[in-house]
Amino acid sequence: MSHLVRFTDGTGTVRVGLLTGEELRPLAVASMSELLRRPVAEIRALADAAGEPVSGARLLPPLDGRMEVWAAGVTYLRSEEARREESADEDIYARVYRAERPELFFKAAAWRVMTDDEPIALRADSPNTVPEPELGLVLTSAGEIAGYVVVDDVSSRSIEGENPLYLPQAKIYTGSCAVSARVRPAWEVPDALALDLRMRILRDGREVFTGSAGTAQLNRKPPELVEYLWRDNDFPDGAVLSTGTSIVPGLDLGLRAGDVVEIEIGEVGSLRSPVVLGADAVRRALAAR
């Protein structure tokens, strides 16, 4: 299994490479955003021509430059049901699930994105925050699907449930977006709608939640979501589009500081995230690495 990765080498230089097993070979581009300005066929050719193996690398979030993370909501029936359960205005979620136009929202700029073993956060003013495991589409500047990642769209259920107009505060804050460091190339995934998703929450080393689903249950297909995102919008350095979740813990199970969230998507990869409380705790955890 191969992955495209962004990494820092032994000299501290940030590079992009192809990781196959334990072997990491650099590509002839300086950044992920430079890579995603190219057509998928050219990206594949660059991967095939990767250089000599390097060692001593540390993987970084797979976004840089002007890349953004966007997300889709209410794309699975379970998500629609969960949003209605928690909302004071449940009918809007039923309507968007059936509507022609999908729900799309901005999630994070590149510099806000966490990756493997970096912290995700609970909002200090939210009594109920949950992880949302999702398949992410890594898109070129022209809107081609270049690869797939694991995304955790961390969300405040209590804030969004109070009023849907509070969605940006429920979705966009420090530590609310984690993306796997490894990008599975699209040309190595035969069918993005035949992938298994699994998530578990560990608390004091004990499993307190486990759930599974499959991308076959998506109500909105990836090309449709991409087409709507690209309408009257420019992404000069590419983007990541998270496709929504169907694994939703019950209303009685919100995250706590100290929890660990583990997400796995078959054929794509995994993402592990410790949970902290508030933006200051995120900054301290990153500074201590």
C-alpha atoms as a PDB file:
ATOM      1  CA  MET A   1       0.000   0.000   0.000  1.00  0.00           C
ATOM      2  CA  SER A   2       1.397   3.406  -1.003  1.00  0.00           C
ATOM      3  CA  HIS A   3       0.621   6.885   0.299  1.00  0.00           C
ATOM      4  CA  LEU A   4       1.518  10.422  -0.686  1.00  0.00           C
ATOM      5  CA  VAL A   5       2.882  12.273   2.336  1.00  0.00           C
ATOM      6  CA  ARG A   6       4.211  15.644   3.383  1.00  0.00           C
ATOM      7  CA  PHE A   7       7.228  15.363   5.663  1.00  0.00           C
ATOM      8  CA  THR A   8      10.219  17.096   7.151  1.00  0.00           C
ATOM      9  CA  ASP A   9      13.588  15.436   6.597  1.00  0.00           C
ATOM     10  CA  GLY A  10      16.643  15.303   8.821  1.00  0.00           C
ATOM     11  CA  THR A  11      17.677  18.821   7.817  1.00  0.00           C
ATOM     12  CA  GLY A  12      14.295  20.317   8.686  1.00  0.00           C
ATOM     13  CA  THR A  13      13.332  20.815   5.026  1.00  0.00           C
ATOM     14  CA  VAL A  14       9.665  20.182   4.251  1.00  0.00           C
ATOM     15  CA  ARG A  15       9.153  17.873   1.270  1.00  0.00           C
ATOM     16  CA  VAL A  16       6.530  15.665  -0.398  1.00  0.00           C
ATOM     17  CA  GLY A  17       7.091  11.975  -0.969  1.00  0.00           C
ATOM     18  CA  LEU A  18       5.709   8.527  -1.700  1.00  0.00           C
ATOM     19  CA  LEU A  19       5.602   6.198   1.303  1.00  0.00           C
ATOM     20  CA  THR A  20       5.442   2.482   0.489  1.00  0.00           C
ATOM     21  CA  GLY A  21       5.631   0.343   3.590  1.00  0.00           C
ATOM     22  CA  GLU A  22       8.576   1.817   5.501  1.00  0.00           C
ATOM     23  CA  GLU A  23      10.284   3.229   2.398  1.00  0.00           C
ATOM     24  CA  LEU A  24       9.912   6.957   1.799  1.00  0.00           C
ATOM     25  CA  ARG A  25      11.022   8.418  -1.537  1.00  0.00           C
ATOM     26  CA  PRO A  26      10.797  12.159  -2.301  1.00  0.00           C
ATOM     27  CA  LEU A  27       8.879  13.612  -5.247  1.00  0.00           C
ATOM     28  CA  ALA A  28      10.162  16.396  -7.485  1.00  0.00           C
ATOM     29  CA  VAL A  29       7.851  19.028  -5.983  1.00  0.00           C
ATOM     30  CA  ALA A  30       8.338  21.361  -3.034  1.00  0.00           C
ATOM     31  CA  SER A  31       4.855  21.228  -1.464  1.00  0.00           C
ATOM     32  CA  MET A  32       1.523  19.419  -1.458  1.00  0.00           C
ATOM     33  CA  SER A  33      -0.140  22.489  -2.926  1.00  0.00           C
ATOM     34  CA  GLU A  34       2.336  22.485  -5.826  1.00  0.00           C
ATOM     35  CA  LEU A  35       1.535  18.826  -6.405  1.00  0.00           C
ATOM     36  CA  LEU A  36      -2.213  19.495  -6.452  1.00  0.00           C
ATOM     37  CA  ARG A  37      -1.905  22.223  -9.075  1.00  0.00           C
ATOM     38  CA  ARG A  38      -1.150  19.408 -11.535  1.00  0.00           C
ATOM     39  CA  PRO A  39      -3.514  16.936 -13.235  1.00  0.00           C
ATOM     40  CA  VAL A  40      -3.868  13.518 -11.608  1.00  0.00           C
ATOM     41  CA  ALA A  41      -2.074  11.847 -14.534  1.00  0.00           C
ATOM     42  CA  GLU A  42       0.966  14.057 -13.897  1.00  0.00           C
ATOM     43  CA  ILE A  43       0.810  13.429 -10.140  1.00  0.00           C
ATOM     44  CA  ARG A  44       0.861   9.701 -10.837  1.00  0.00           C
ATOM     45  CA  ALA A  45       3.857  10.100 -13.137  1.00  0.00           C
ATOM     46  CA  LEU A  46       5.718  12.034 -10.421  1.00  0.00           C
ATOM     47  CA  ALA A  47       4.937   9.262  -7.928  1.00  0.00           C
ATOM     48  CA  ASP A  48       6.227   6.641 -10.355  1.00  0.00           C
ATOM     49  CA  ALA A  49       9.457   8.641 -10.729  1.00  0.00           C
ATOM     50  CA  ALA A  50      10.034   9.184  -6.988  1.00  0.00           C
ATOM     51  CA  GLY A  51      13.670   9.573  -5.947  1.00  0.00           C
ATOM     52  CA  GLU A  52      16.020   7.610  -3.721  1.00  0.00           C
ATOM     53  CA  PRO A  53      14.792   6.587  -0.229  1.00  0.00           C
ATOM     54  CA  VAL A  54      15.334   8.969   2.669  1.00  0.00           C
ATOM     55  CA  SER A  55      15.344   8.329   6.427  1.00  0.00           C
ATOM     56  CA  GLY A  56      14.765  10.303   9.593  1.00  0.00           C
ATOM     57  CA  ALA A  57      11.514  11.839   8.336  1.00  0.00           C
ATOM     58  CA  ARG A  58       8.586  13.099  10.400  1.00  0.00           C
ATOM     59  CA  LEU A  59       5.174  13.124   8.761  1.00  0.00           C
ATOM     60  CA  LEU A  60       3.213  16.399   8.717  1.00  0.00           C
ATOM     61  CA  PRO A  61      -0.414  17.306   7.997  1.00  0.00           C
ATOM     62  CA  PRO A  62      -0.976  16.770   4.250  1.00  0.00           C
ATOM     63  CA  LEU A  63      -2.105  20.362   3.635  1.00  0.00           C
ATOM     64  CA  ASP A  64      -0.109  23.514   3.015  1.00  0.00           C
ATOM     65  CA  GLY A  65      -0.216  26.753   1.051  1.00  0.00           C
ATOM     66  CA  ARG A  66      -3.746  27.959   0.279  1.00  0.00           C
ATOM     67  CA  MET A  67      -5.343  24.543   0.709  1.00  0.00           C
ATOM     68  CA  GLU A  68      -8.599  24.378   2.653  1.00  0.00           C
ATOM     69  CA  VAL A  69     -10.726  21.668   4.245  1.00  0.00           C
ATOM     70  CA  TRP A  70     -14.437  21.738   3.466  1.00  0.00           C
ATOM     71  CA  ALA A  71     -17.040  19.271   4.652  1.00  0.00           C
ATOM     72  CA  ALA A  72     -20.412  17.915   3.649  1.00  0.00           C
ATOM     73  CA  GLY A  73     -23.210  17.343   6.116  1.00  0.00           C
ATOM     74  CA  VAL A  74     -26.249  15.040   6.260  1.00  0.00           C
ATOM     75  CA  THR A  75     -24.924  12.737   3.554  1.00  0.00           C
ATOM     76  CA  TYR A  76     -25.831   9.513   5.388  1.00  0.00           C
ATOM     77  CA  LEU A  77     -29.222   8.543   6.820  1.00  0.00           C
ATOM     78  CA  ARG A  78     -27.689   8.015  10.285  1.00  0.00           C
ATOM     79  CA  SER A  79     -26.307  11.553  10.232  1.00  0.00           C
ATOM     80  CA  GLU A  80     -29.708  12.948   9.295  1.00  0.00           C
ATOM     81  CA  GLU A  81     -31.313  11.017  12.161  1.00  0.00           C
ATOM     82  CA  ALA A  82     -28.678  12.164  14.666  1.00  0.00           C
ATOM     83  CA  ARG A  83     -28.976  15.825  13.658  1.00  0.00           C
ATOM     84  CA  ARG A  84     -32.761  15.649  14.128  1.00  0.00           C
ATOM     85  CA  GLU A  85     -32.329  14.039  17.553  1.00  0.00           C
ATOM     86  CA  GLU A  86     -30.103  16.832  18.832  1.00  0.00           C
ATOM     87  CA  SER A  87     -31.683  19.844  17.097  1.00  0.00           C
ATOM     88  CA  ALA A  88     -34.354  22.245  18.230  1.00  0.00           C
ATOM     89  CA  ASP A  89     -35.352  22.580  14.541  1.00  0.00           C
ATOM     90  CA  GLU A  90     -35.104  18.998  13.326  1.00  0.00           C
ATOM     91  CA  ASP A  91     -37.048  19.430  10.073  1.00  0.00           C
ATOM     92  CA  ILE A  92     -34.243  21.335   8.335  1.00  0.00           C
ATOM     93  CA  TYR A  93     -32.032  18.239   8.438  1.00  0.00           C
ATOM     94  CA  ALA A  94     -34.702  16.046   6.895  1.00  0.00           C
ATOM     95  CA  ARG A  95     -35.153  18.611   4.128  1.00  0.00           C
ATOM     96  CA  VAL A  96     -31.442  18.895   3.302  1.00  0.00           C
ATOM     97  CA  TYR A  97     -31.072  15.097   3.237  1.00  0.00           C
ATOM     98  CA  ARG A  98     -33.715  14.964   0.485  1.00  0.00           C
ATOM     99  CA  ALA A  99     -32.754  18.191  -1.307  1.00  0.00           C
ATOM    100  CA  GLU A 100     -30.922  18.445  -4.598  1.00  0.00           C
ATOM    101  CA  ARG A 101     -28.306  20.838  -3.142  1.00  0.00           C
ATOM    102  CA  PRO A 102     -25.985  19.298  -0.506  1.00  0.00           C
ATOM    103  CA  GLU A 103     -24.918  20.983   2.708  1.00  0.00           C
ATOM    104  CA  LEU A 104     -21.293  22.141   2.312  1.00  0.00           C
ATOM    105  CA  PHE A 105     -19.373  24.216   4.822  1.00  0.00           C
ATOM    106  CA  PHE A 106     -15.851  25.503   5.388  1.00  0.00           C
ATOM    107  CA  LYS A 107     -13.984  23.514   8.039  1.00  0.00           C
ATOM    108  CA  ALA A 108     -10.330  24.602   8.291  1.00  0.00           C
ATOM    109  CA  ALA A 109      -7.458  26.418   6.640  1.00  0.00           C
ATOM    110  CA  ALA A 110      -4.293  24.373   6.111  1.00  0.00           C
ATOM    111  CA  TRP A 111      -2.511  25.845   9.127  1.00  0.00           C
ATOM    112  CA  ARG A 112      -5.310  24.761  11.508  1.00  0.00           C
ATOM    113  CA  VAL A 113      -5.278  21.078  10.552  1.00  0.00           C
ATOM    114  CA  MET A 114      -4.085  18.451  13.053  1.00  0.00           C
ATOM    115  CA  THR A 115      -2.752  15.051  12.017  1.00  0.00           C
ATOM    116  CA  ASP A 116      -1.861  11.661  13.532  1.00  0.00           C
ATOM    117  CA  ASP A 117      -1.232  11.749  17.303  1.00  0.00           C
ATOM    118  CA  GLU A 118      -1.838  15.509  17.432  1.00  0.00           C
ATOM    119  CA  PRO A 119      -4.650  16.742  19.681  1.00  0.00           C
ATOM    120  CA  ILE A 120      -8.262  17.384  18.846  1.00  0.00           C
ATOM    121  CA  ALA A 121     -10.156  19.670  21.197  1.00  0.00           C
ATOM    122  CA  LEU A 122     -13.374  20.096  23.074  1.00  0.00           C
ATOM    123  CA  ARG A 123     -14.735  23.620  22.990  1.00  0.00           C
ATOM    124  CA  ALA A 124     -14.613  24.943  26.540  1.00  0.00           C
ATOM    125  CA  ASP A 125     -18.123  26.380  26.120  1.00  0.00           C
ATOM    126  CA  SER A 126     -19.690  23.154  24.806  1.00  0.00           C
ATOM    127  CA  PRO A 127     -20.983  20.380  27.086  1.00  0.00           C
ATOM    128  CA  ASN A 128     -21.255  17.844  24.240  1.00  0.00           C
ATOM    129  CA  THR A 129     -18.564  17.422  21.571  1.00  0.00           C
ATOM    130  CA  VAL A 130     -18.229  14.343  19.338  1.00  0.00           C
ATOM    131  CA  PRO A 131     -15.819  13.006  16.724  1.00  0.00           C
ATOM    132  CA  GLU A 132     -17.181  12.476  13.222  1.00  0.00           C
ATOM    133  CA  PRO A 133     -15.156   9.953  11.165  1.00  0.00           C
ATOM    134  CA  GLU A 134     -15.290  10.716   7.455  1.00  0.00           C
ATOM    135  CA  LEU A 135     -13.743   9.833   4.121  1.00  0.00           C
ATOM    136  CA  GLY A 136     -11.906  12.869   2.753  1.00  0.00           C
ATOM    137  CA  LEU A 137     -11.359  13.568  -0.937  1.00  0.00           C
ATOM    138  CA  VAL A 138      -8.010  15.179  -1.795  1.00  0.00           C
ATOM    139  CA  LEU A 139      -8.746  17.388  -4.797  1.00  0.00           C
ATOM    140  CA  THR A 140      -6.532  19.057  -7.355  1.00  0.00           C
ATOM    141  CA  SER A 141      -6.985  22.717  -8.267  1.00  0.00           C
ATOM    142  CA  ALA A 142      -9.129  21.516 -11.199  1.00  0.00           C
ATOM    143  CA  GLY A 143     -11.375  19.426  -8.942  1.00  0.00           C
ATOM    144  CA  GLU A 144      -9.990  15.982  -9.821  1.00  0.00           C
ATOM    145  CA  ILE A 145      -9.870  13.400  -7.024  1.00  0.00           C
ATOM    146  CA  ALA A 146      -6.158  12.748  -6.486  1.00  0.00           C
ATOM    147  CA  GLY A 147      -6.461  10.713  -3.298  1.00  0.00           C
ATOM    148  CA  TYR A 148      -8.278   9.879  -0.094  1.00  0.00           C
ATOM    149  CA  VAL A 149      -7.639  10.621   3.581  1.00  0.00           C
ATOM    150  CA  VAL A 150      -9.233   9.952   6.948  1.00  0.00           C
ATOM    151  CA  VAL A 151     -10.882  13.053   8.430  1.00  0.00           C
ATOM    152  CA  ASP A 152     -12.254  13.733  11.904  1.00  0.00           C
ATOM    153  CA  ASP A 153     -14.818  16.538  11.661  1.00  0.00           C
ATOM    154  CA  VAL A 154     -14.916  17.250  15.413  1.00  0.00           C
ATOM    155  CA  SER A 155     -18.215  18.972  16.226  1.00  0.00           C
ATOM    156  CA  SER A 156     -20.055  20.547  19.136  1.00  0.00           C
ATOM    157  CA  ARG A 157     -23.452  18.841  19.147  1.00  0.00           C
ATOM    158  CA  SER A 158     -24.785  21.129  21.861  1.00  0.00           C
ATOM    159  CA  ILE A 159     -23.960  24.365  20.027  1.00  0.00           C
ATOM    160  CA  GLU A 160     -25.278  23.242  16.630  1.00  0.00           C
ATOM    161  CA  GLY A 161     -28.314  21.654  18.289  1.00  0.00           C
ATOM    162  CA  GLU A 162     -29.205  24.907  20.038  1.00  0.00           C
ATOM    163  CA  ASN A 163     -29.503  26.740  16.729  1.00  0.00           C
ATOM    164  CA  PRO A 164     -28.300  25.687  13.239  1.00  0.00           C
ATOM    165  CA  LEU A 165     -27.073  29.244  12.641  1.00  0.00           C
ATOM    166  CA  TYR A 166     -24.377  28.489  15.205  1.00  0.00           C
ATOM    167  CA  LEU A 167     -22.900  25.866  12.837  1.00  0.00           C
ATOM    168  CA  PRO A 168     -19.607  27.787  12.240  1.00  0.00           C
ATOM    169  CA  GLN A 169     -18.956  27.944  16.000  1.00  0.00           C
ATOM    170  CA  ALA A 170     -19.816  24.264  16.358  1.00  0.00           C
ATOM    171  CA  LYS A 171     -17.517  23.247  13.515  1.00  0.00           C
ATOM    172  CA  ILE A 172     -14.640  25.742  13.223  1.00  0.00           C
ATOM    173  CA  TYR A 173     -12.271  26.239  16.140  1.00  0.00           C
ATOM    174  CA  THR A 174      -8.746  25.290  17.192  1.00  0.00           C
ATOM    175  CA  GLY A 175      -8.442  21.505  17.305  1.00  0.00           C
ATOM    176  CA  SER A 176     -11.687  20.780  15.466  1.00  0.00           C
ATOM    177  CA  CYS A 177     -10.179  19.228  12.321  1.00  0.00           C
ATOM    178  CA  ALA A 178      -7.798  16.293  12.057  1.00  0.00           C
ATOM    179  CA  VAL A 179      -6.638  14.684   8.794  1.00  0.00           C
ATOM    180  CA  SER A 180      -4.502  11.564   8.413  1.00  0.00           C
ATOM    181  CA  ALA A 181      -0.924  12.310   7.378  1.00  0.00           C
ATOM    182  CA  ARG A 182      -1.097   9.671   4.634  1.00  0.00           C
ATOM    183  CA  VAL A 183      -2.956  10.300   1.367  1.00  0.00           C
ATOM    184  CA  ARG A 184      -3.994   7.114  -0.430  1.00  0.00           C
ATOM    185  CA  PRO A 185      -3.621   7.730  -4.190  1.00  0.00           C
ATOM    186  CA  ALA A 186      -6.925   7.592  -6.044  1.00  0.00           C
ATOM    187  CA  TRP A 187      -5.492   5.308  -8.722  1.00  0.00           C
ATOM    188  CA  GLU A 188      -4.899   2.630  -6.044  1.00  0.00           C
ATOM    189  CA  VAL A 189      -8.499   2.632  -4.738  1.00  0.00           C
ATOM    190  CA  PRO A 190     -10.791   0.719  -7.131  1.00  0.00           C
ATOM    191  CA  ASP A 191     -14.084   1.888  -5.592  1.00  0.00           C
ATOM    192  CA  ALA A 192     -14.414   4.716  -3.078  1.00  0.00           C
ATOM    193  CA  LEU A 193     -18.011   3.617  -2.427  1.00  0.00           C
ATOM    194  CA  ALA A 194     -16.956   0.182  -1.160  1.00  0.00           C
ATOM    195  CA  LEU A 195     -14.881   1.197   1.869  1.00  0.00           C
ATOM    196  CA  ASP A 196     -15.398   0.167   5.496  1.00  0.00           C
ATOM    197  CA  LEU A 197     -15.172   2.796   8.251  1.00  0.00           C
ATOM    198  CA  ARG A 198     -14.552   2.041  11.917  1.00  0.00           C
ATOM    199  CA  MET A 199     -14.205   4.285  14.951  1.00  0.00           C
ATOM    200  CA  ARG A 200     -13.644   3.685  18.612  1.00  0.00           C
ATOM    201  CA  ILE A 201     -13.284   5.961  21.623  1.00  0.00           C
ATOM    202  CA  LEU A 202     -10.912   4.937  24.396  1.00  0.00           C
ATOM    203  CA  ARG A 203     -11.266   6.309  27.921  1.00  0.00           C
ATOM    204  CA  ASP A 204      -8.656   5.405  30.546  1.00  0.00           C
ATOM    205  CA  GLY A 205      -7.535   2.676  28.150  1.00  0.00           C
ATOM    206  CA  ARG A 206     -11.019   1.169  27.983  1.00  0.00           C
ATOM    207  CA  GLU A 207     -13.246   1.151  24.897  1.00  0.00           C
ATOM    208  CA  VAL A 208     -16.403   3.191  25.616  1.00  0.00           C
ATOM    209  CA  PHE A 209     -17.690   3.415  22.040  1.00  0.00           C
ATOM    210  CA  THR A 210     -17.225   1.494  18.830  1.00  0.00           C
ATOM    211  CA  GLY A 211     -19.034   1.916  15.529  1.00  0.00           C
ATOM    212  CA  SER A 212     -18.740   0.887  11.911  1.00  0.00           C
ATOM    213  CA  ALA A 213     -20.270   1.833   8.582  1.00  0.00           C
ATOM    214  CA  GLY A 214     -19.533   1.805   4.870  1.00  0.00           C
ATOM    215  CA  THR A 215     -19.232   4.415   2.157  1.00  0.00           C
ATOM    216  CA  ALA A 216     -21.797   2.435   0.150  1.00  0.00           C
ATOM    217  CA  GLN A 217     -24.376   4.119   2.425  1.00  0.00           C
ATOM    218  CA  LEU A 218     -23.514   7.603   1.122  1.00  0.00           C
ATOM    219  CA  ASN A 219     -26.598   9.439  -0.090  1.00  0.00           C
ATOM    220  CA  ARG A 220     -24.398  11.901  -2.028  1.00  0.00           C
ATOM    221  CA  LYS A 221     -21.759  10.547  -4.391  1.00  0.00           C
ATOM    222  CA  PRO A 222     -18.257  12.132  -4.342  1.00  0.00           C
ATOM    223  CA  PRO A 223     -18.377  13.636  -7.870  1.00  0.00           C
ATOM    224  CA  GLU A 224     -21.676  15.347  -7.027  1.00  0.00           C
ATOM    225  CA  LEU A 225     -20.216  16.874  -3.858  1.00  0.00           C
ATOM    226  CA  VAL A 226     -17.126  18.067  -5.728  1.00  0.00           C
ATOM    227  CA  GLU A 227     -19.209  19.625  -8.489  1.00  0.00           C
ATOM    228  CA  TYR A 228     -21.211  21.676  -5.984  1.00  0.00           C
ATOM    229  CA  LEU A 229     -18.084  22.748  -4.075  1.00  0.00           C
ATOM    230  CA  TRP A 230     -16.461  23.993  -7.275  1.00  0.00           C
ATOM    231  CA  ARG A 231     -19.480  26.049  -8.353  1.00  0.00           C
ATOM    232  CA  ASP A 232     -18.382  29.696  -8.427  1.00  0.00           C
ATOM    233  CA  ASN A 233     -15.429  28.831  -6.191  1.00  0.00           C
ATOM    234  CA  ASP A 234     -11.663  28.765  -6.740  1.00  0.00           C
ATOM    235  CA  PHE A 235      -9.180  26.435  -5.057  1.00  0.00           C
ATOM    236  CA  PRO A 236      -5.835  27.364  -6.635  1.00  0.00           C
ATOM    237  CA  ASP A 237      -3.869  24.982  -4.391  1.00  0.00           C
ATOM    238  CA  GLY A 238      -6.458  22.209  -4.216  1.00  0.00           C
ATOM    239  CA  ALA A 239      -8.636  21.231  -1.271  1.00  0.00           C
ATOM    240  CA  VAL A 240      -9.807  18.401   0.951  1.00  0.00           C
ATOM    241  CA  LEU A 241     -13.551  17.695   0.943  1.00  0.00           C
ATOM    242  CA  SER A 242     -14.821  15.560   3.820  1.00  0.00           C
ATOM    243  CA  THR A 243     -17.871  13.561   2.745  1.00  0.00           C
ATOM    244  CA  GLY A 244     -19.900  13.260   5.953  1.00  0.00           C
ATOM    245  CA  THR A 245     -20.337  10.669   8.681  1.00  0.00           C
ATOM    246  CA  SER A 246     -22.653   7.780   9.491  1.00  0.00           C
ATOM    247  CA  ILE A 247     -20.999   6.832  12.805  1.00  0.00           C
ATOM    248  CA  VAL A 248     -22.507   9.031  15.494  1.00  0.00           C
ATOM    249  CA  PRO A 249     -22.290   8.300  19.253  1.00  0.00           C
ATOM    250  CA  GLY A 250     -25.496   8.589  21.266  1.00  0.00           C
ATOM    251  CA  LEU A 251     -26.464  11.857  22.878  1.00  0.00           C
ATOM    252  CA  ASP A 252     -25.281  10.506  26.233  1.00  0.00           C
ATOM    253  CA  LEU A 253     -21.709   9.916  25.009  1.00  0.00           C
ATOM    254  CA  GLY A 254     -19.703  13.064  24.414  1.00  0.00           C
ATOM    255  CA  LEU A 255     -15.922  13.250  24.382  1.00  0.00           C
ATOM    256  CA  ARG A 256     -13.906  13.994  27.516  1.00  0.00           C
ATOM    257  CA  ALA A 257     -10.403  15.370  27.895  1.00  0.00           C
ATOM    258  CA  GLY A 258      -8.012  12.436  28.027  1.00  0.00           C
ATOM    259  CA  ASP A 259     -10.003  10.298  25.579  1.00  0.00           C
ATOM    260  CA  VAL A 260      -8.352   8.879  22.465  1.00  0.00           C
ATOM    261  CA  VAL A 261     -10.228   8.614  19.153  1.00  0.00           C
ATOM    262  CA  GLU A 262      -9.119   5.980  16.642  1.00  0.00           C
ATOM    263  CA  ILE A 263     -10.543   5.944  13.108  1.00  0.00           C
ATOM    264  CA  GLU A 264      -9.761   3.482  10.324  1.00  0.00           C
ATOM    265  CA  ILE A 265     -10.950   3.419   6.707  1.00  0.00           C
ATOM    266  CA  GLY A 266     -10.174   0.292   4.745  1.00  0.00           C
ATOM    267  CA  GLU A 267      -7.879   0.816   1.730  1.00  0.00           C
ATOM    268  CA  VAL A 268      -7.190   4.401   2.901  1.00  0.00           C
ATOM    269  CA  GLY A 269      -5.559   4.515   6.322  1.00  0.00           C
ATOM    270  CA  SER A 270      -6.038   5.434   9.949  1.00  0.00           C
ATOM    271  CA  LEU A 271      -6.062   8.427  12.296  1.00  0.00           C
ATOM    272  CA  ARG A 272      -5.396   8.510  16.036  1.00  0.00           C
ATOM    273  CA  SER A 273      -6.159  11.635  18.078  1.00  0.00           C
ATOM    274  CA  PRO A 274      -5.836  12.399  21.809  1.00  0.00           C
ATOM    275  CA  VAL A 275      -8.531  14.711  23.167  1.00  0.00           C
ATOM    276  CA  VAL A 276      -7.813  17.909  25.125  1.00  0.00           C
ATOM    277  CA  LEU A 277      -9.946  20.734  26.496  1.00  0.00           C
ATOM    278  CA  GLY A 278      -9.662  24.139  24.807  1.00  0.00           C
ATOM    279  CA  ALA A 279      -7.294  25.915  22.453  1.00  0.00           C
ATOM    280  CA  ASP A 280      -4.603  26.545  25.082  1.00  0.00           C
ATOM    281  CA  ALA A 281      -4.277  22.804  25.677  1.00  0.00           C
ATOM    282  CA  VAL A 282      -3.855  22.240  21.927  1.00  0.00           C
ATOM    283  CA  ARG A 283      -1.048  24.790  21.784  1.00  0.00           C
ATOM    284  CA  ARG A 284       0.708  23.269  24.814  1.00  0.00           C
ATOM    285  CA  ALA A 285       0.482  19.761  23.365  1.00  0.00           C
ATOM    286  CA  LEU A 286       1.917  20.853  20.015  1.00  0.00           C
ATOM    287  CA  ALA A 287       4.709  22.832  21.671  1.00  0.00           C
ATOM    288  CA  ALA A 288       5.705  19.791  23.709  1.00  0.00           C
ATOM    289  CA  ARG A 289       6.176  17.538  20.674  1.00  0.00           C
END
